[in-house]
N, C-alpha and C. Protein backbone atom coordinates (compact mmCIF):
# COMPACT_ATOMS: atom_id res chain seq x y z
N MET A 1 98.56 18.05 -3.07
CA MET A 1 97.71 17.10 -2.55
C MET A 1 96.21 17.61 -2.71
N THR A 2 95.33 16.90 -3.33
CA THR A 2 93.81 17.27 -3.43
C THR A 2 93.07 16.51 -2.76
N GLY A 3 91.89 16.65 -2.60
CA GLY A 3 90.64 16.16 -2.06
C GLY A 3 90.42 16.48 -0.57
N GLY A 4 89.54 16.06 0.03
CA GLY A 4 89.24 16.30 1.51
C GLY A 4 88.33 17.42 1.86
N ASP A 5 87.29 17.12 2.74
CA ASP A 5 86.27 18.24 3.12
C ASP A 5 87.19 19.20 4.06
N LEU A 6 86.81 20.34 3.92
CA LEU A 6 87.12 21.63 4.90
C LEU A 6 86.16 21.59 5.87
N VAL A 7 86.48 21.58 7.27
CA VAL A 7 85.77 21.72 8.30
C VAL A 7 86.29 22.74 9.13
N LEU A 8 85.41 23.95 9.53
CA LEU A 8 85.87 24.90 10.25
C LEU A 8 85.34 24.53 11.79
N CYS A 9 86.22 24.48 12.81
CA CYS A 9 86.07 24.40 14.00
C CYS A 9 86.03 25.58 15.01
N GLY A 10 84.97 26.10 15.40
CA GLY A 10 85.19 27.29 16.04
C GLY A 10 84.20 28.50 15.13
N TYR A 11 84.32 29.74 15.51
CA TYR A 11 83.75 30.82 14.82
C TYR A 11 84.47 31.63 14.19
N ALA A 12 84.21 31.94 12.89
CA ALA A 12 85.05 32.98 11.89
C ALA A 12 84.93 34.26 12.68
N GLY A 13 86.08 34.98 12.79
CA GLY A 13 85.95 36.42 13.44
C GLY A 13 85.64 36.66 14.88
N GLU A 14 85.70 35.36 15.52
CA GLU A 14 85.31 35.53 17.04
C GLU A 14 86.40 36.46 17.80
N ALA A 15 87.65 35.92 17.65
CA ALA A 15 88.95 36.33 18.26
C ALA A 15 88.95 37.93 17.89
N GLY A 16 88.66 38.32 16.87
CA GLY A 16 88.76 39.63 16.64
C GLY A 16 87.44 40.65 17.04
N MET A 17 86.42 39.95 17.09
CA MET A 17 85.27 40.43 17.60
C MET A 17 85.47 40.86 18.95
N LEU A 18 86.10 39.84 19.64
CA LEU A 18 86.30 39.91 21.33
C LEU A 18 87.52 41.07 21.57
N LEU A 19 88.52 41.10 20.65
CA LEU A 19 89.32 42.11 20.72
C LEU A 19 88.67 43.72 20.46
N ILE A 20 88.09 43.76 19.53
CA ILE A 20 87.14 45.13 19.36
C ILE A 20 86.33 45.48 20.54
N ALA A 21 85.53 44.54 20.85
CA ALA A 21 84.56 44.79 21.89
C ALA A 21 85.17 45.14 23.15
N GLU A 22 86.40 44.58 23.36
CA GLU A 22 87.31 45.04 24.62
C GLU A 22 87.77 46.42 24.38
N ARG A 23 88.30 46.82 23.30
CA ARG A 23 88.85 48.04 23.32
C ARG A 23 87.99 49.07 22.50
N LYS A 24 86.83 48.91 22.19
CA LYS A 24 85.80 49.83 21.61
C LYS A 24 84.81 49.75 22.43
N ARG A 25 84.68 49.43 23.71
CA ARG A 25 83.68 49.24 24.63
C ARG A 25 82.66 50.46 24.78
N ALA A 26 83.36 51.76 24.94
CA ALA A 26 82.62 53.09 24.73
C ALA A 26 82.03 53.36 23.41
N ASP A 27 82.60 52.67 22.20
CA ASP A 27 81.74 53.24 21.15
C ASP A 27 80.51 52.27 20.96
N ILE A 28 80.63 51.02 21.14
CA ILE A 28 79.69 49.85 21.37
C ILE A 28 78.36 50.32 22.05
N GLY A 29 78.93 51.01 23.31
CA GLY A 29 77.90 51.40 24.31
C GLY A 29 76.90 52.54 23.79
N LYS A 30 77.58 53.22 22.80
CA LYS A 30 76.64 54.36 22.08
C LYS A 30 75.86 53.89 21.10
N MET A 31 76.37 52.74 20.32
CA MET A 31 75.39 52.20 19.31
C MET A 31 74.50 51.18 19.77
N PHE A 32 74.76 50.68 20.70
CA PHE A 32 73.63 49.43 21.35
C PHE A 32 73.39 49.77 22.66
N ARG A 33 71.96 49.22 23.00
CA ARG A 33 71.25 49.09 24.35
C ARG A 33 72.39 48.62 25.20
N PRO A 34 72.49 49.00 26.38
CA PRO A 34 73.19 48.30 27.12
C PRO A 34 73.37 46.51 27.49
N ASP A 35 71.87 46.29 27.18
CA ASP A 35 71.74 44.65 27.56
C ASP A 35 72.28 44.01 26.32
N VAL A 36 72.23 44.75 24.98
CA VAL A 36 72.87 44.19 24.01
C VAL A 36 74.29 44.33 23.68
N ALA A 37 74.51 45.57 24.27
CA ALA A 37 76.27 45.66 24.39
C ALA A 37 77.06 44.54 25.18
N GLU A 38 76.41 44.26 26.17
CA GLU A 38 76.78 43.11 27.21
C GLU A 38 77.00 41.85 26.46
N ARG A 39 76.28 41.56 25.53
CA ARG A 39 76.45 40.26 24.57
C ARG A 39 77.78 40.20 24.02
N PHE A 40 78.75 41.37 23.96
CA PHE A 40 79.95 41.21 23.04
C PHE A 40 81.16 40.73 24.19
N HIS A 41 80.69 40.54 25.27
CA HIS A 41 81.62 40.03 26.44
C HIS A 41 81.44 38.75 26.71
N MET A 42 81.98 37.65 26.01
CA MET A 42 81.84 36.45 26.33
C MET A 42 82.87 35.48 26.40
N GLU A 43 83.21 34.31 26.52
CA GLU A 43 84.19 33.36 26.61
C GLU A 43 84.61 33.26 25.05
N LYS A 44 85.95 32.60 24.94
CA LYS A 44 86.35 32.35 23.54
C LYS A 44 85.84 30.79 23.59
N THR A 45 85.64 30.41 22.25
CA THR A 45 85.30 29.05 22.06
C THR A 45 86.35 28.01 22.35
N ARG A 46 86.20 26.94 22.87
CA ARG A 46 87.23 26.22 23.20
C ARG A 46 87.68 25.35 22.17
N ARG A 47 89.09 25.23 22.10
CA ARG A 47 89.60 24.58 20.95
C ARG A 47 90.29 23.25 21.62
N LEU A 48 90.67 22.44 20.63
CA LEU A 48 91.12 20.96 20.94
C LEU A 48 92.68 21.18 20.48
N SER A 49 93.63 20.19 20.84
CA SER A 49 94.83 19.95 20.21
C SER A 49 94.70 19.46 18.98
N PRO A 50 95.70 19.64 18.16
CA PRO A 50 95.90 19.14 16.82
C PRO A 50 95.86 17.35 16.77
N GLU A 51 96.40 16.98 17.87
CA GLU A 51 96.34 15.49 18.11
C GLU A 51 94.69 15.06 18.63
N ALA A 52 94.00 15.97 19.29
CA ALA A 52 92.79 15.45 19.56
C ALA A 52 91.95 15.77 18.22
N TYR A 53 92.07 16.45 17.39
CA TYR A 53 91.43 16.65 16.21
C TYR A 53 91.73 15.42 15.26
N ARG A 54 92.95 15.08 15.18
CA ARG A 54 93.21 14.04 14.47
C ARG A 54 92.52 12.61 14.75
N ALA A 55 92.63 12.68 16.40
CA ALA A 55 91.83 11.29 16.93
C ALA A 55 90.38 11.34 16.48
N ALA A 56 89.73 12.48 16.21
CA ALA A 56 88.07 12.60 15.76
C ALA A 56 88.04 12.47 14.47
N GLY A 57 89.14 12.56 13.67
CA GLY A 57 89.03 12.39 12.25
C GLY A 57 89.51 13.17 11.03
N ALA A 58 90.37 14.02 11.81
CA ALA A 58 91.05 15.12 10.83
C ALA A 58 92.45 14.56 10.17
N SER A 59 92.65 14.74 9.21
CA SER A 59 93.83 14.39 8.63
C SER A 59 94.88 15.70 8.72
N ASP A 60 94.50 16.81 8.52
CA ASP A 60 95.44 18.08 8.72
C ASP A 60 94.57 19.10 9.42
N VAL A 61 95.31 19.77 10.31
CA VAL A 61 94.81 21.04 10.98
C VAL A 61 95.87 22.25 10.85
N TYR A 62 94.94 23.33 10.29
CA TYR A 62 95.57 24.64 9.95
C TYR A 62 95.06 25.65 10.95
N PRO A 63 95.80 26.46 11.82
CA PRO A 63 95.17 27.17 12.78
C PRO A 63 94.65 28.52 11.71
N VAL A 64 93.72 29.21 12.34
CA VAL A 64 93.05 30.28 11.58
C VAL A 64 93.70 31.53 12.57
N SER A 65 94.14 32.39 11.97
CA SER A 65 94.53 33.51 13.03
C SER A 65 94.34 34.79 11.81
N GLU A 66 95.52 35.43 11.72
CA GLU A 66 95.57 36.57 11.22
C GLU A 66 94.91 36.89 9.55
N GLY A 67 94.19 37.32 9.23
CA GLY A 67 93.56 37.23 7.95
C GLY A 67 92.46 36.50 7.84
N GLY A 68 91.82 35.84 8.94
CA GLY A 68 90.82 35.13 9.13
C GLY A 68 90.67 33.87 8.19
N VAL A 69 89.58 33.50 8.17
CA VAL A 69 89.02 32.17 7.61
C VAL A 69 89.63 32.18 6.23
N LEU A 70 89.31 33.16 5.41
CA LEU A 70 89.65 33.19 3.96
C LEU A 70 91.14 33.12 3.95
N ALA A 71 91.99 33.79 4.50
CA ALA A 71 93.36 33.48 4.37
C ALA A 71 93.87 32.20 4.63
N ALA A 72 93.32 31.79 5.76
CA ALA A 72 93.56 30.31 6.12
C ALA A 72 93.29 29.16 5.01
N ILE A 73 92.13 29.48 4.31
CA ILE A 73 91.92 28.46 3.30
C ILE A 73 92.72 28.71 2.12
N TYR A 74 92.99 29.77 1.85
CA TYR A 74 93.92 30.30 0.57
C TYR A 74 95.40 29.74 1.06
N GLY A 75 95.76 29.76 2.04
CA GLY A 75 97.12 29.32 2.39
C GLY A 75 97.04 27.84 2.35
N ALA A 76 96.22 27.25 2.92
CA ALA A 76 96.01 25.72 2.89
C ALA A 76 96.00 25.19 1.51
N ALA A 77 95.20 25.87 0.62
CA ALA A 77 95.09 25.44 -0.67
C ALA A 77 96.46 25.56 -1.39
N LYS A 78 97.16 26.75 -1.24
CA LYS A 78 98.50 26.72 -1.88
C LYS A 78 99.54 25.90 -1.42
N GLU A 79 99.35 25.58 0.08
CA GLU A 79 100.42 24.50 0.40
C GLU A 79 99.99 23.25 -0.16
N ARG A 80 98.97 22.96 -0.36
CA ARG A 80 98.54 21.49 -0.75
C ARG A 80 98.58 21.77 -2.38
N ARG A 81 98.81 22.92 -3.11
CA ARG A 81 98.81 22.80 -4.58
C ARG A 81 97.34 22.51 -5.14
N CYS A 82 96.48 23.02 -4.73
CA CYS A 82 95.08 22.50 -5.23
C CYS A 82 94.12 23.59 -4.96
N GLY A 83 92.82 23.22 -5.60
CA GLY A 83 91.68 24.20 -5.60
C GLY A 83 90.74 24.27 -4.37
N VAL A 84 89.97 24.92 -4.39
CA VAL A 84 88.63 24.66 -3.38
C VAL A 84 87.55 25.41 -3.67
N ARG A 85 86.57 24.51 -3.18
CA ARG A 85 85.10 24.93 -3.41
C ARG A 85 84.62 25.54 -1.96
N LEU A 86 84.04 26.48 -1.87
CA LEU A 86 83.76 27.16 -0.57
C LEU A 86 82.47 27.57 -0.33
N ARG A 87 81.70 27.32 0.57
CA ARG A 87 80.41 27.89 0.89
C ARG A 87 80.46 28.93 2.14
N LEU A 88 80.47 30.07 1.65
CA LEU A 88 80.46 31.17 2.84
C LEU A 88 79.22 30.85 3.85
N LYS A 89 78.29 30.68 3.28
CA LYS A 89 77.05 30.63 4.19
C LYS A 89 77.12 29.44 5.01
N ASP A 90 77.80 28.60 4.92
CA ASP A 90 78.12 27.47 5.96
C ASP A 90 79.18 27.76 6.82
N VAL A 91 79.89 29.00 6.83
CA VAL A 91 81.01 29.19 7.79
C VAL A 91 80.38 29.78 9.16
N PRO A 92 80.70 29.26 10.26
CA PRO A 92 80.15 29.42 11.49
C PRO A 92 80.26 30.83 11.66
N LEU A 93 79.58 31.71 12.10
CA LEU A 93 79.53 33.16 12.46
C LEU A 93 78.82 33.38 13.70
N ARG A 94 79.12 33.97 14.82
CA ARG A 94 78.41 34.55 16.08
C ARG A 94 77.47 35.83 15.53
N ARG A 95 76.41 35.92 16.00
CA ARG A 95 75.47 36.82 15.57
C ARG A 95 76.43 38.34 16.07
N GLU A 96 77.03 38.12 17.32
CA GLU A 96 77.80 39.47 17.69
C GLU A 96 78.91 39.91 16.65
N THR A 97 79.42 38.75 16.11
CA THR A 97 80.53 39.26 15.04
C THR A 97 79.99 39.69 13.98
N VAL A 98 79.13 39.29 13.44
CA VAL A 98 78.42 40.05 12.13
C VAL A 98 77.98 41.42 12.79
N GLU A 99 77.27 41.82 13.78
CA GLU A 99 76.84 42.98 14.19
C GLU A 99 77.97 44.02 14.34
N LEU A 100 79.12 43.54 14.85
CA LEU A 100 80.23 44.51 15.21
C LEU A 100 81.00 44.83 13.77
N CYS A 101 81.05 43.72 13.00
CA CYS A 101 81.51 43.90 11.60
C CYS A 101 80.70 44.96 10.79
N GLU A 102 79.39 44.76 10.97
CA GLU A 102 78.61 45.80 10.36
C GLU A 102 78.61 47.18 10.83
N MET A 103 78.99 47.29 12.05
CA MET A 103 79.11 48.52 12.70
C MET A 103 80.43 49.39 12.36
N PHE A 104 81.41 48.54 12.21
CA PHE A 104 82.87 49.12 11.67
C PHE A 104 83.15 49.02 10.21
N ARG A 105 82.20 48.30 9.48
CA ARG A 105 82.18 47.94 8.06
C ARG A 105 83.36 47.35 7.67
N ILE A 106 83.65 46.11 8.39
CA ILE A 106 84.59 45.16 8.01
C ILE A 106 83.96 43.71 7.56
N ASP A 107 84.74 42.93 7.04
CA ASP A 107 84.48 41.65 6.56
C ASP A 107 84.90 40.40 7.75
N PRO A 108 83.64 39.92 8.22
CA PRO A 108 84.02 38.85 9.37
C PRO A 108 84.71 37.60 8.75
N TYR A 109 84.80 37.34 7.42
CA TYR A 109 85.68 36.27 7.12
C TYR A 109 87.06 36.44 6.74
N ARG A 110 87.55 37.76 6.77
CA ARG A 110 88.99 38.40 6.84
C ARG A 110 89.46 38.97 8.32
N LEU A 111 88.67 38.45 9.21
CA LEU A 111 88.93 39.13 10.78
C LEU A 111 89.73 38.14 11.37
N PHE A 112 90.49 38.64 11.98
CA PHE A 112 91.45 37.93 13.04
C PHE A 112 90.61 36.74 13.82
N SER A 113 91.00 35.66 13.79
CA SER A 113 90.32 34.58 14.06
C SER A 113 91.22 33.60 15.15
N ALA A 114 90.69 32.95 16.12
CA ALA A 114 91.44 31.92 16.79
C ALA A 114 90.54 30.60 16.86
N CYS A 115 90.66 30.04 15.57
CA CYS A 115 89.70 28.72 15.33
C CYS A 115 90.78 27.80 14.53
N ASP A 116 90.18 26.69 14.09
CA ASP A 116 90.99 25.80 13.29
C ASP A 116 90.27 25.29 12.15
N LEU A 117 91.03 25.33 11.01
CA LEU A 117 90.58 24.85 9.71
C LEU A 117 91.19 23.20 9.72
N LEU A 118 90.14 22.33 9.62
CA LEU A 118 90.54 20.82 9.68
C LEU A 118 90.46 20.41 8.14
N VAL A 119 90.90 19.43 7.90
CA VAL A 119 90.68 18.48 6.55
C VAL A 119 90.49 17.21 6.88
N ALA A 120 89.41 16.51 6.46
CA ALA A 120 88.91 15.34 6.52
C ALA A 120 88.46 14.66 5.50
N GLU A 121 88.54 13.27 5.40
CA GLU A 121 87.95 12.37 4.23
C GLU A 121 86.43 12.44 4.32
N ASN A 122 85.93 12.59 5.70
CA ASN A 122 84.55 12.70 5.93
C ASN A 122 84.14 13.78 6.74
N GLY A 123 84.07 14.82 6.30
CA GLY A 123 83.77 16.01 7.21
C GLY A 123 82.67 15.89 7.89
N LYS A 124 81.41 15.37 7.37
CA LYS A 124 80.22 15.32 8.18
C LYS A 124 80.52 14.38 9.52
N ARG A 125 81.06 13.28 9.22
CA ARG A 125 81.46 12.36 10.37
C ARG A 125 82.48 13.34 11.48
N LEU A 126 83.36 14.04 11.05
CA LEU A 126 84.12 14.88 11.89
C LEU A 126 83.55 15.75 12.71
N GLU A 127 82.58 16.62 11.81
CA GLU A 127 81.60 17.74 12.44
C GLU A 127 80.70 16.97 13.84
N GLU A 128 80.21 15.84 13.45
CA GLU A 128 79.35 15.08 14.52
C GLU A 128 80.26 14.97 15.54
N ALA A 129 81.36 14.30 15.30
CA ALA A 129 82.25 13.89 16.42
C ALA A 129 82.78 15.01 17.34
N LEU A 130 82.84 16.05 16.88
CA LEU A 130 83.33 17.41 17.62
C LEU A 130 82.23 18.04 18.10
N ALA A 131 80.79 17.84 17.46
CA ALA A 131 79.67 18.40 18.28
C ALA A 131 79.47 17.51 19.42
N ALA A 132 79.76 16.30 19.49
CA ALA A 132 79.59 15.37 20.70
C ALA A 132 80.44 15.97 21.84
N GLN A 133 81.48 16.41 21.41
CA GLN A 133 82.50 16.93 22.64
C GLN A 133 82.35 18.51 22.80
N GLY A 134 81.12 18.79 22.34
CA GLY A 134 80.85 20.25 22.50
C GLY A 134 81.53 21.40 21.88
N ILE A 135 82.14 21.21 20.90
CA ILE A 135 83.05 21.79 20.10
C ILE A 135 82.18 22.24 18.64
N PRO A 136 81.89 23.40 18.46
CA PRO A 136 81.24 23.64 17.26
C PRO A 136 82.08 23.82 15.90
N ALA A 137 81.61 23.07 14.96
CA ALA A 137 82.13 22.59 13.64
C ALA A 137 81.32 22.49 12.68
N ALA A 138 81.71 22.87 11.23
CA ALA A 138 80.77 22.71 10.30
C ALA A 138 81.56 22.94 8.96
N VAL A 139 81.10 21.66 7.92
CA VAL A 139 81.82 21.77 6.80
C VAL A 139 81.42 22.60 5.88
N ILE A 140 82.43 23.24 5.32
CA ILE A 140 82.38 24.51 4.73
C ILE A 140 82.83 24.60 3.27
N GLY A 141 83.28 23.40 2.73
CA GLY A 141 83.67 23.28 1.38
C GLY A 141 84.50 22.24 1.31
N TYR A 142 85.45 22.01 0.30
CA TYR A 142 86.31 20.92 -0.28
C TYR A 142 87.49 21.39 -0.81
N PHE A 143 88.62 20.57 -0.96
CA PHE A 143 89.60 20.55 -1.80
C PHE A 143 89.28 20.14 -3.07
N THR A 144 89.81 20.55 -4.32
CA THR A 144 89.65 20.14 -5.61
C THR A 144 91.04 19.96 -6.36
N GLY A 145 90.93 19.45 -7.61
CA GLY A 145 91.97 19.47 -8.36
C GLY A 145 92.22 20.65 -9.17
N GLY A 146 93.23 20.96 -9.84
CA GLY A 146 93.22 22.48 -10.50
C GLY A 146 93.51 23.30 -9.38
N GLN A 147 93.68 24.73 -9.67
CA GLN A 147 93.95 25.76 -8.72
C GLN A 147 92.91 26.72 -8.52
N ASP A 148 91.90 26.61 -9.09
CA ASP A 148 90.82 27.53 -8.75
C ASP A 148 90.25 27.69 -7.18
N LYS A 149 90.12 28.75 -6.62
CA LYS A 149 89.83 28.68 -5.24
C LYS A 149 88.14 29.52 -5.38
N VAL A 150 87.19 28.86 -5.51
CA VAL A 150 85.87 29.18 -5.80
C VAL A 150 85.04 29.46 -4.69
N ILE A 151 84.33 30.54 -4.63
CA ILE A 151 83.21 30.67 -3.67
C ILE A 151 81.83 30.47 -4.19
N THR A 152 81.49 29.20 -3.94
CA THR A 152 80.30 28.85 -4.57
C THR A 152 78.71 29.29 -4.36
N ASP A 153 78.58 29.87 -3.34
CA ASP A 153 77.25 30.28 -2.96
C ASP A 153 77.06 31.90 -3.26
N LYS A 154 77.76 32.32 -4.21
CA LYS A 154 77.33 33.68 -4.57
C LYS A 154 76.42 33.48 -5.95
N LYS A 155 75.86 34.83 -6.14
CA LYS A 155 75.04 34.76 -7.51
C LYS A 155 75.84 34.34 -8.82
N GLU A 156 76.98 35.05 -8.61
CA GLU A 156 78.05 35.03 -9.82
C GLU A 156 79.32 34.22 -9.29
N THR A 157 80.10 33.54 -10.20
CA THR A 157 81.44 32.87 -9.73
C THR A 157 82.17 33.97 -8.98
N GLU A 158 82.51 33.66 -8.04
CA GLU A 158 83.57 34.50 -7.14
C GLU A 158 84.77 33.66 -7.00
N TYR A 159 86.08 34.34 -7.03
CA TYR A 159 87.16 33.57 -6.64
C TYR A 159 87.88 34.22 -5.52
N LEU A 160 88.39 33.41 -4.64
CA LEU A 160 89.14 33.70 -3.57
C LEU A 160 90.38 34.13 -3.97
N ASN A 161 90.83 35.33 -3.63
CA ASN A 161 92.21 35.95 -3.92
C ASN A 161 93.18 35.85 -2.86
N ARG A 162 94.39 36.21 -3.22
CA ARG A 162 95.57 36.38 -2.14
C ARG A 162 94.92 37.24 -0.99
N PRO A 163 95.23 36.69 0.23
CA PRO A 163 94.76 37.37 1.53
C PRO A 163 95.32 38.96 1.43
N GLU A 164 94.45 39.59 2.01
CA GLU A 164 94.82 41.23 2.21
C GLU A 164 94.91 41.28 3.74
N GLN A 165 95.12 42.60 4.11
CA GLN A 165 95.47 42.86 5.52
C GLN A 165 94.29 42.34 6.27
N ASP A 166 94.60 42.10 7.29
CA ASP A 166 93.67 41.59 8.38
C ASP A 166 92.80 42.84 8.59
N GLU A 167 91.46 42.42 8.84
CA GLU A 167 90.11 43.42 8.91
C GLU A 167 90.37 44.23 10.34
N LEU A 168 90.95 43.73 11.25
CA LEU A 168 91.13 44.39 12.45
C LEU A 168 91.87 45.47 12.36
N ARG A 169 92.86 45.71 11.40
CA ARG A 169 93.76 46.84 11.25
C ARG A 169 92.80 48.01 10.41
N LYS A 170 91.65 47.60 9.99
CA LYS A 170 90.92 48.60 9.33
C LYS A 170 89.92 49.55 10.45
N VAL A 171 89.91 48.92 11.63
CA VAL A 171 89.14 49.52 12.98
C VAL A 171 89.96 50.55 13.39
N PRO A 172 89.61 51.83 13.51
CA PRO A 172 90.29 52.88 14.12
C PRO A 172 90.79 52.68 15.45
N GLY A 173 91.88 52.95 15.75
CA GLY A 173 92.43 52.61 17.02
C GLY A 173 92.79 51.15 17.53
N MET A 174 92.88 50.32 16.67
CA MET A 174 93.33 48.97 16.77
C MET A 174 94.72 48.61 16.62
């Protein structure tokens, strides 16, 4: 089954970032000023039920968890037997997630997440409907015919490969 916009609801890598922040508090305190380190302790972004997402305009809901956003997109495309065009720059990330990922040299797009990948005929309309409910969401790409899973906003064509281990496992002591 092809077609449909990809909408990410929530923030990539946020759940992994919160786990790292909890377990690596001492390391983070050494790397950042106390006021900066305190930013890593926040509430998880609110999620809706699959039924509520469908009522807002989603046709399909794929939970994002181990392996992060890229694993979820790859899995959804395999299940639907189609290709993907993905714009990484449009994937919502918290600044804190990026900072921790840089500190531990891990990829936020392959980091454990607790958000949802939604498919919609009109992704922009779904994004706006969710924003009106206070839920962060962004159109990040779309499904295509064929089997190619392409990241389109790189200088050279890059293909999304089979998911690797979750980046959380690369952090010592996690």
